[in-house]
Amino acid sequence: MDYRENEQEAAFRKRVHDWLAENAPRNWQEEASDEKAAGRITRAWHRKLYEAGFIGLSWPEEYGGRNLGPTFEAILNDELGKADTPRISFHNYLGRAIFAFGTEEQKRRFLPTMLSGEVQWCQGFSEPNAGSDLASLRTFAELRGDTYVVNGQKMWTSGALNADWCLLLVRTDRDVPKHKGITCLLTSIRAPGIDVRPIRISDGAPETCEVFLDEVKIPADQRVGDPGAGWRIAMTVLSFERGPADIGMIATYDTALRKIEDLAKARGVAGQPEVRKALARAYVHGEALRLNVVEQLSQRSAGRMPGPEGSVARLLLTEAQQYINHLELEVMGADAFNGRATGTFNSYIRSRTISIFGGTSEIQKNILANQVLGMPR
């Protein structure tokens, strides 16, 4: 793959850059005082990007997309990361389930509003005893006539407080191997019997939720794929979630590293050998992540779906993010704890939770061992 941008891609980057200079929200972090406020900001930002033609770049036109290559998605995310904008919703990987496995009616019903940001989605996968071992989930859906009746509990459901709909994994058959008894359903998060309760993570933010389901009725025509196809659908969704190419991580990381370099200079420690060595190591972490992202982008541009090698990206992302937040803590010293360096300690604490998002680091290593290296379970 030629990693240089062609004329069309360069023109698109300039268009995005110029548009963001005029339209990127300012001081949105201060305005996102709680999860509800953050949800309103995310929804409004999603709508604004959509109206400007920047959402669904690589999706087919018949479902509201632009039918462009994945390189354009990467350019957009790179510019969003540089501009430090709010994150956009989970449509790019949750939509893959409907896009790849849904009926034509489901695609036309759900995908346009998902892309436009009119309807926000969350992912109901993990459970109290089925996070790292997702196939052990126990939330059960019984088919009664043409309706599934669901009972159970979901855990670590990010964005559920502000979501409208949920992509839900449920068990529909207890008499087959656990991977084969899982089905995927779509439900309104406001359906009778659903109770969403926030979970405060390590820095106190209610970013994720518990979702309780008590006799929740879901029409059978809101099942995605065949009964028992849920595991395959989940792996497709997670393979897109695990790659950092879709979240502009590289630009965000570079911005954070430059900030720490400036902090080290301001505090008079930038010339210390140990600090210089740590900054160099942080740069190497970022380059390893960047090269992996470029490789993933190359594979997607060649038409290859993400596979288990996406776990490498997830591990590199975790290591890089945790390292750079630890480095900022060391540069700031005692000021990270006495209130003079607002946010440094919270950012460090938040970075520790990254290793469980999209599957723990241990799960990622197991995937690589089993599915890439061919090692026995």
Protein backbone atom coordinates (compact mmCIF):
# COMPACT_ATOMS: atom_id res chain seq x y z
CA MET A 1 0.00 0.00 0.00
CA ASP A 2 1.19 3.51 -0.79
CA TYR A 3 0.78 5.32 2.55
CA ARG A 4 0.89 8.75 0.94
CA GLU A 5 -2.43 10.51 0.39
CA ASN A 6 -3.60 10.88 -3.18
CA GLU A 7 -5.00 14.13 -4.54
CA GLN A 8 -8.60 13.29 -3.57
CA GLU A 9 -7.62 12.28 -0.02
CA ALA A 10 -5.47 15.39 0.47
CA ALA A 11 -8.35 17.59 -0.69
CA PHE A 12 -10.69 15.81 1.72
CA ARG A 13 -8.26 16.34 4.63
CA LYS A 14 -8.09 20.06 3.84
CA ARG A 15 -11.88 20.25 3.70
CA VAL A 16 -12.21 18.55 7.10
CA HIS A 17 -9.44 20.69 8.62
CA ASP A 18 -10.99 23.94 7.39
CA TRP A 19 -14.48 22.91 8.51
CA LEU A 20 -13.24 21.98 12.00
CA ALA A 21 -11.47 25.34 12.33
CA GLU A 22 -14.87 26.98 12.02
CA ASN A 23 -17.13 24.45 13.71
CA ALA A 24 -15.25 22.38 16.34
CA PRO A 25 -16.82 23.00 19.78
CA ARG A 26 -14.73 25.01 22.23
CA ASN A 27 -14.42 24.29 25.96
CA TRP A 28 -16.75 21.32 25.62
CA GLN A 29 -14.91 19.47 28.41
CA GLU A 30 -15.99 22.13 30.93
CA GLU A 31 -19.58 22.00 29.67
CA ALA A 32 -19.71 18.18 30.00
CA SER A 33 -20.23 18.50 33.74
CA ASP A 34 -22.06 15.16 34.06
CA GLU A 35 -22.96 12.18 31.91
CA LYS A 36 -26.27 13.70 30.78
CA ALA A 37 -24.56 16.89 29.67
CA ALA A 38 -21.86 14.83 27.93
CA GLY A 39 -24.60 12.89 26.15
CA ARG A 40 -26.24 16.07 24.88
CA ILE A 41 -22.89 17.34 23.59
CA THR A 42 -22.11 14.04 21.86
CA ARG A 43 -25.53 13.89 20.20
CA ALA A 44 -25.36 17.50 18.98
CA TRP A 45 -21.80 17.01 17.67
CA HIS A 46 -22.81 13.82 15.85
CA ARG A 47 -25.72 15.65 14.18
CA LYS A 48 -23.49 18.53 13.13
CA LEU A 49 -20.91 16.19 11.57
CA TYR A 50 -23.68 14.31 9.77
CA GLU A 51 -25.22 17.46 8.35
CA ALA A 52 -21.76 18.45 7.08
CA GLY A 53 -21.46 15.08 5.30
CA PHE A 54 -18.77 13.54 7.53
CA ILE A 55 -20.66 10.56 9.03
CA GLY A 56 -20.91 7.19 7.28
CA LEU A 57 -18.11 7.93 4.83
CA SER A 58 -17.44 4.27 4.06
CA TRP A 59 -21.08 3.11 4.25
CA PRO A 60 -23.18 2.39 1.13
CA GLU A 61 -25.18 5.31 -0.20
CA GLU A 62 -28.49 3.41 -0.01
CA TYR A 63 -28.23 3.43 3.79
CA GLY A 64 -27.18 7.06 4.11
CA GLY A 65 -23.43 6.64 3.62
CA ARG A 66 -20.96 8.16 1.14
CA ASN A 67 -19.51 4.95 -0.34
CA LEU A 68 -15.90 6.11 0.15
CA GLY A 69 -12.94 3.96 1.18
CA PRO A 70 -11.79 3.41 4.79
CA THR A 71 -8.90 5.83 4.23
CA PHE A 72 -11.39 8.70 4.35
CA GLU A 73 -12.72 7.49 7.71
CA ALA A 74 -9.13 7.42 8.99
CA ILE A 75 -8.44 10.96 7.75
CA LEU A 76 -11.61 12.23 9.41
CA ASN A 77 -10.75 10.58 12.73
CA ASP A 78 -7.18 11.87 12.53
CA GLU A 79 -8.41 15.45 12.12
CA LEU A 80 -11.01 15.01 14.89
CA GLY A 81 -8.25 13.81 17.20
CA LYS A 82 -6.04 16.79 16.37
CA ALA A 83 -8.93 19.19 16.99
CA ASP A 84 -9.69 17.49 20.34
CA THR A 85 -13.41 17.27 19.65
CA PRO A 86 -15.99 15.19 21.58
CA ARG A 87 -16.08 11.52 20.62
CA ILE A 88 -18.72 10.47 18.16
CA SER A 89 -21.08 7.59 18.85
CA PHE A 90 -20.51 3.87 18.48
CA HIS A 91 -22.22 3.63 15.08
CA ASN A 92 -19.14 2.58 13.14
CA TYR A 93 -18.85 -0.80 14.87
CA LEU A 94 -22.38 -1.42 16.24
CA GLY A 95 -23.80 -0.71 12.81
CA ARG A 96 -21.68 -3.53 11.38
CA ALA A 97 -23.97 -6.08 13.05
CA ILE A 98 -27.05 -4.77 11.22
CA PHE A 99 -25.07 -3.95 8.12
CA ALA A 100 -23.56 -7.44 7.80
CA PHE A 101 -26.29 -9.68 9.28
CA GLY A 102 -29.57 -7.73 9.31
CA THR A 103 -32.49 -8.08 6.93
CA GLU A 104 -33.06 -5.49 4.25
CA GLU A 105 -36.01 -4.18 6.27
CA GLN A 106 -33.81 -3.83 9.39
CA LYS A 107 -31.11 -2.00 7.43
CA ARG A 108 -33.59 0.52 6.05
CA ARG A 109 -35.28 0.94 9.42
CA PHE A 110 -32.24 1.32 11.69
CA LEU A 111 -29.14 2.38 9.73
CA PRO A 112 -30.19 5.85 8.46
CA THR A 113 -31.14 7.13 11.94
CA MET A 114 -28.03 5.51 13.41
CA LEU A 115 -25.85 7.42 10.96
CA SER A 116 -27.71 10.70 11.36
CA GLY A 117 -27.34 10.57 15.15
CA GLU A 118 -31.09 10.85 15.61
CA VAL A 119 -31.00 7.51 17.43
CA GLN A 120 -28.07 6.69 19.74
CA TRP A 121 -27.08 3.08 20.45
CA CYS A 122 -25.31 1.09 23.15
CA GLN A 123 -23.92 -2.44 23.29
CA GLY A 124 -25.44 -4.96 25.74
CA PHE A 125 -22.80 -7.70 25.77
CA SER A 126 -21.01 -8.14 29.14
CA GLU A 127 -22.67 -9.54 32.27
CA PRO A 128 -21.57 -9.85 35.92
CA ASN A 129 -20.17 -13.34 35.28
CA ALA A 130 -19.65 -13.04 31.54
CA GLY A 131 -17.25 -10.21 30.81
CA SER A 132 -13.92 -11.81 30.01
CA ASP A 133 -15.75 -15.03 29.13
CA LEU A 134 -18.54 -13.51 27.03
CA ALA A 135 -19.81 -16.88 25.81
CA SER A 136 -20.94 -17.66 29.37
CA LEU A 137 -23.65 -14.98 29.31
CA ARG A 138 -26.89 -16.01 31.03
CA THR A 139 -29.45 -13.35 30.12
CA PHE A 140 -32.17 -15.56 28.65
CA ALA A 141 -34.71 -14.88 25.93
CA GLU A 142 -37.67 -17.23 25.57
CA LEU A 143 -39.58 -17.14 22.28
CA ARG A 144 -43.33 -16.93 23.01
CA GLY A 145 -45.21 -16.77 19.74
CA ASP A 146 -43.66 -13.94 17.75
CA THR A 147 -42.10 -12.23 20.78
CA TYR A 148 -38.90 -12.83 22.76
CA VAL A 149 -39.30 -12.34 26.52
CA VAL A 150 -35.95 -11.40 28.07
CA ASN A 151 -34.78 -11.66 31.68
CA GLY A 152 -31.28 -10.99 32.99
CA GLN A 153 -28.65 -8.33 33.62
CA LYS A 154 -26.01 -6.59 31.54
CA MET A 155 -22.87 -4.93 32.93
CA TRP A 156 -20.38 -2.31 31.67
CA THR A 157 -22.86 -1.01 29.09
CA SER A 158 -21.11 2.20 28.02
CA GLY A 159 -23.34 5.07 26.95
CA ALA A 160 -26.58 3.39 28.09
CA LEU A 161 -27.67 6.47 30.06
CA ASN A 162 -27.90 8.46 26.83
CA ALA A 163 -28.78 5.67 24.40
CA ASP A 164 -32.12 5.11 22.66
CA TRP A 165 -31.58 1.53 21.47
CA CYS A 166 -29.40 -1.42 22.47
CA LEU A 167 -27.71 -4.21 20.50
CA LEU A 168 -28.32 -7.08 22.90
CA LEU A 169 -26.79 -10.55 23.19
CA VAL A 170 -29.03 -13.15 24.85
CA ARG A 171 -29.02 -16.89 25.35
CA THR A 172 -31.85 -18.63 23.52
CA ASP A 173 -30.71 -22.25 23.81
CA ARG A 174 -29.20 -23.79 26.95
CA ASP A 175 -28.84 -27.26 25.44
CA VAL A 176 -26.10 -26.58 22.88
CA PRO A 177 -22.42 -25.59 23.32
CA LYS A 178 -22.36 -22.13 24.89
CA HIS A 179 -21.03 -20.35 21.79
CA LYS A 180 -23.92 -21.72 19.70
CA GLY A 181 -26.82 -20.79 21.99
CA ILE A 182 -26.46 -17.00 21.72
CA THR A 183 -28.77 -14.76 19.67
CA CYS A 184 -28.63 -11.04 18.85
CA LEU A 185 -31.69 -8.83 19.43
CA LEU A 186 -32.38 -5.11 18.99
CA THR A 187 -34.41 -3.34 21.65
CA SER A 188 -35.41 0.16 22.63
CA ILE A 189 -33.58 1.00 25.85
CA ARG A 190 -36.87 2.49 27.08
CA ALA A 191 -38.89 -0.70 26.60
CA PRO A 192 -40.99 -1.66 29.67
CA GLY A 193 -38.94 -3.84 32.04
CA ILE A 194 -35.55 -2.22 31.30
CA ASP A 195 -33.84 -0.41 34.18
CA VAL A 196 -30.56 1.44 33.50
CA ARG A 197 -28.37 2.27 36.50
CA PRO A 198 -25.06 4.19 36.21
CA ILE A 199 -21.77 2.72 37.42
CA ARG A 200 -19.11 5.15 38.59
CA ILE A 201 -15.70 4.09 37.29
CA SER A 202 -12.32 4.72 38.90
CA ASP A 203 -12.32 8.51 38.41
CA GLY A 204 -15.92 8.88 39.61
CA ALA A 205 -17.49 9.39 36.17
CA PRO A 206 -20.74 7.43 35.49
CA GLU A 207 -19.51 6.50 32.02
CA THR A 208 -20.90 3.00 32.00
CA CYS A 209 -24.02 1.29 33.35
CA GLU A 210 -25.79 -1.81 34.60
CA VAL A 211 -28.89 -2.74 32.61
CA PHE A 212 -31.54 -4.91 34.25
CA LEU A 213 -34.09 -6.72 32.06
CA ASP A 214 -37.30 -8.00 33.66
CA GLU A 215 -39.82 -9.67 31.32
CA VAL A 216 -38.77 -7.38 28.47
CA LYS A 217 -40.77 -8.09 25.31
CA ILE A 218 -38.89 -7.83 22.00
CA PRO A 219 -40.63 -8.58 18.67
CA ALA A 220 -39.03 -11.51 16.83
CA ASP A 221 -38.52 -9.33 13.74
CA GLN A 222 -35.94 -7.39 15.80
CA ARG A 223 -33.66 -10.45 15.88
CA VAL A 224 -30.48 -9.93 13.86
CA GLY A 225 -29.37 -13.01 11.93
CA ASP A 226 -30.48 -16.54 12.68
CA PRO A 227 -31.18 -17.90 16.17
CA GLY A 228 -27.79 -18.96 17.58
CA ALA A 229 -25.79 -16.63 15.30
CA GLY A 230 -25.06 -14.18 18.12
CA TRP A 231 -21.47 -15.27 18.73
CA ARG A 232 -20.45 -14.68 15.12
CA ILE A 233 -22.16 -11.28 15.17
CA ALA A 234 -20.45 -10.33 18.44
CA MET A 235 -17.01 -11.24 17.08
CA THR A 236 -17.63 -9.05 14.02
CA VAL A 237 -18.63 -6.10 16.18
CA LEU A 238 -15.68 -6.54 18.56
CA SER A 239 -13.16 -6.86 15.72
CA PHE A 240 -14.16 -3.38 14.53
CA GLU A 241 -14.24 -2.03 18.10
CA ARG A 242 -10.74 -3.27 18.91
CA GLY A 243 -8.94 -1.34 16.17
CA PRO A 244 -7.88 2.19 17.13
CA ALA A 245 -8.04 3.43 13.52
CA ASP A 246 -11.67 4.42 14.05
CA ILE A 247 -11.12 6.58 17.10
CA GLY A 248 -8.37 8.92 16.00
CA MET A 249 -6.16 7.60 18.74
CA ILE A 250 -2.91 8.48 17.01
CA ALA A 251 -3.61 12.20 16.81
CA THR A 252 -4.92 12.25 20.38
CA TYR A 253 -1.80 10.45 21.60
CA ASP A 254 0.54 12.83 19.75
CA THR A 255 -1.30 15.81 21.26
CA ALA A 256 -0.96 14.34 24.75
CA LEU A 257 2.77 13.66 24.26
CA ARG A 258 3.42 17.23 23.12
CA LYS A 259 1.55 18.48 26.19
CA ILE A 260 3.78 16.40 28.49
CA GLU A 261 6.92 17.63 26.70
CA ASP A 262 5.76 21.22 27.32
CA LEU A 263 5.01 20.42 30.98
CA ALA A 264 8.50 18.92 31.40
CA LYS A 265 10.08 22.07 29.94
CA ALA A 266 7.95 24.35 32.11
CA ARG A 267 8.94 22.46 35.24
CA GLY A 268 12.65 22.46 34.29
CA VAL A 269 13.01 18.67 34.10
CA ALA A 270 13.05 18.16 30.32
CA GLY A 271 16.85 17.83 30.31
CA GLN A 272 17.02 15.15 32.98
CA PRO A 273 18.27 11.84 31.49
CA GLU A 274 15.45 9.75 33.01
CA VAL A 275 12.77 12.16 31.76
CA ARG A 276 14.34 12.25 28.27
CA LYS A 277 14.44 8.46 28.25
CA ALA A 278 10.78 8.23 29.33
CA LEU A 279 9.69 10.73 26.67
CA ALA A 280 11.58 8.74 24.03
CA ARG A 281 9.90 5.54 25.21
CA ALA A 282 6.49 7.22 24.99
CA TYR A 283 7.31 8.24 21.43
CA VAL A 284 8.21 4.63 20.57
CA HIS A 285 4.89 3.40 22.04
CA GLY A 286 3.08 5.91 19.80
CA GLU A 287 5.01 4.88 16.69
CA ALA A 288 4.30 1.17 17.31
CA LEU A 289 0.60 2.01 17.59
CA ARG A 290 0.71 4.21 14.48
CA LEU A 291 2.36 1.53 12.34
CA ASN A 292 -0.21 -1.04 13.48
CA VAL A 293 -3.06 1.35 12.62
CA VAL A 294 -1.58 1.91 9.16
CA GLU A 295 -1.34 -1.85 8.62
CA GLN A 296 -4.98 -2.31 9.66
CA LEU A 297 -6.03 0.48 7.33
CA SER A 298 -4.11 -1.19 4.52
CA GLN A 299 -5.99 -4.46 5.15
CA ARG A 300 -9.37 -2.72 5.19
CA SER A 301 -8.56 -0.82 2.00
CA ALA A 302 -7.81 -4.17 0.37
CA GLY A 303 -11.31 -5.35 1.32
CA ARG A 304 -10.25 -7.64 4.15
CA MET A 305 -12.49 -7.74 7.23
CA PRO A 306 -10.81 -7.19 10.63
CA GLY A 307 -9.76 -10.45 12.22
CA PRO A 308 -8.20 -11.66 15.47
CA GLU A 309 -5.06 -9.63 14.76
CA GLY A 310 -7.13 -6.63 15.91
CA SER A 311 -6.22 -7.76 19.42
CA VAL A 312 -2.65 -6.56 18.77
CA ALA A 313 -4.01 -3.06 18.24
CA ARG A 314 -6.01 -3.24 21.45
CA LEU A 315 -2.94 -4.29 23.47
CA LEU A 316 -0.74 -1.58 21.91
CA LEU A 317 -3.41 1.04 22.59
CA THR A 318 -3.70 -0.01 26.23
CA GLU A 319 0.07 -0.01 26.80
CA ALA A 320 0.58 3.36 25.09
CA GLN A 321 -2.27 5.12 26.91
CA GLN A 322 -1.36 3.78 30.34
CA TYR A 323 2.32 4.58 29.83
CA ILE A 324 1.75 8.20 28.79
CA ASN A 325 -0.65 8.89 31.67
CA HIS A 326 1.85 7.40 34.12
CA LEU A 327 4.57 9.61 32.58
CA GLU A 328 2.45 12.75 33.06
CA LEU A 329 1.96 11.76 36.70
CA GLU A 330 5.74 11.50 37.20
CA VAL A 331 6.44 14.82 35.46
CA MET A 332 3.87 16.64 37.60
CA GLY A 333 5.13 15.07 40.85
CA ALA A 334 3.31 16.16 44.01
CA ASP A 335 1.25 18.72 42.09
CA ALA A 336 -0.71 15.81 40.58
CA PHE A 337 -2.15 15.17 44.05
CA ASN A 338 -2.45 18.60 45.68
CA GLY A 339 -4.90 20.15 43.22
CA ARG A 340 -2.41 22.28 41.27
CA ALA A 341 -2.47 19.94 38.25
CA THR A 342 -6.18 19.56 37.67
CA GLY A 343 -7.08 16.36 35.90
CA THR A 344 -3.67 14.64 35.89
CA PHE A 345 -4.50 12.12 38.60
CA ASN A 346 -8.02 11.50 37.24
CA SER A 347 -6.59 10.86 33.78
CA TYR A 348 -4.12 8.39 35.27
CA ILE A 349 -6.87 6.55 37.16
CA ARG A 350 -9.10 6.48 34.09
CA SER A 351 -6.27 5.02 31.98
CA ARG A 352 -6.14 1.96 34.22
CA THR A 353 -9.65 0.96 33.10
CA ILE A 354 -8.69 0.90 29.42
CA SER A 355 -7.34 -2.61 29.80
CA ILE A 356 -10.88 -3.98 30.23
CA PHE A 357 -12.64 -2.10 27.40
CA GLY A 358 -13.56 -4.31 24.44
CA GLY A 359 -12.26 -7.39 26.28
CA THR A 360 -9.50 -7.49 28.89
CA SER A 361 -5.83 -7.63 27.97
CA GLU A 362 -5.81 -11.25 29.10
CA ILE A 363 -8.63 -12.03 26.66
CA GLN A 364 -6.75 -10.28 23.84
CA LYS A 365 -3.67 -12.39 24.56
CA ASN A 366 -5.76 -15.57 24.58
CA ILE A 367 -7.25 -14.64 21.20
CA LEU A 368 -3.80 -14.10 19.73
CA ALA A 369 -2.48 -17.32 21.24
CA ASN A 370 -5.40 -19.46 20.01
CA GLN A 371 -6.47 -17.85 16.76
CA VAL A 372 -3.27 -16.29 15.40
CA LEU A 373 -0.47 -18.46 16.79
CA GLY A 374 -2.53 -21.67 16.82
CA MET A 375 -1.61 -22.56 20.38
CA PRO A 376 -3.84 -25.01 22.30
CA ARG A 377 -6.43 -23.74 24.77
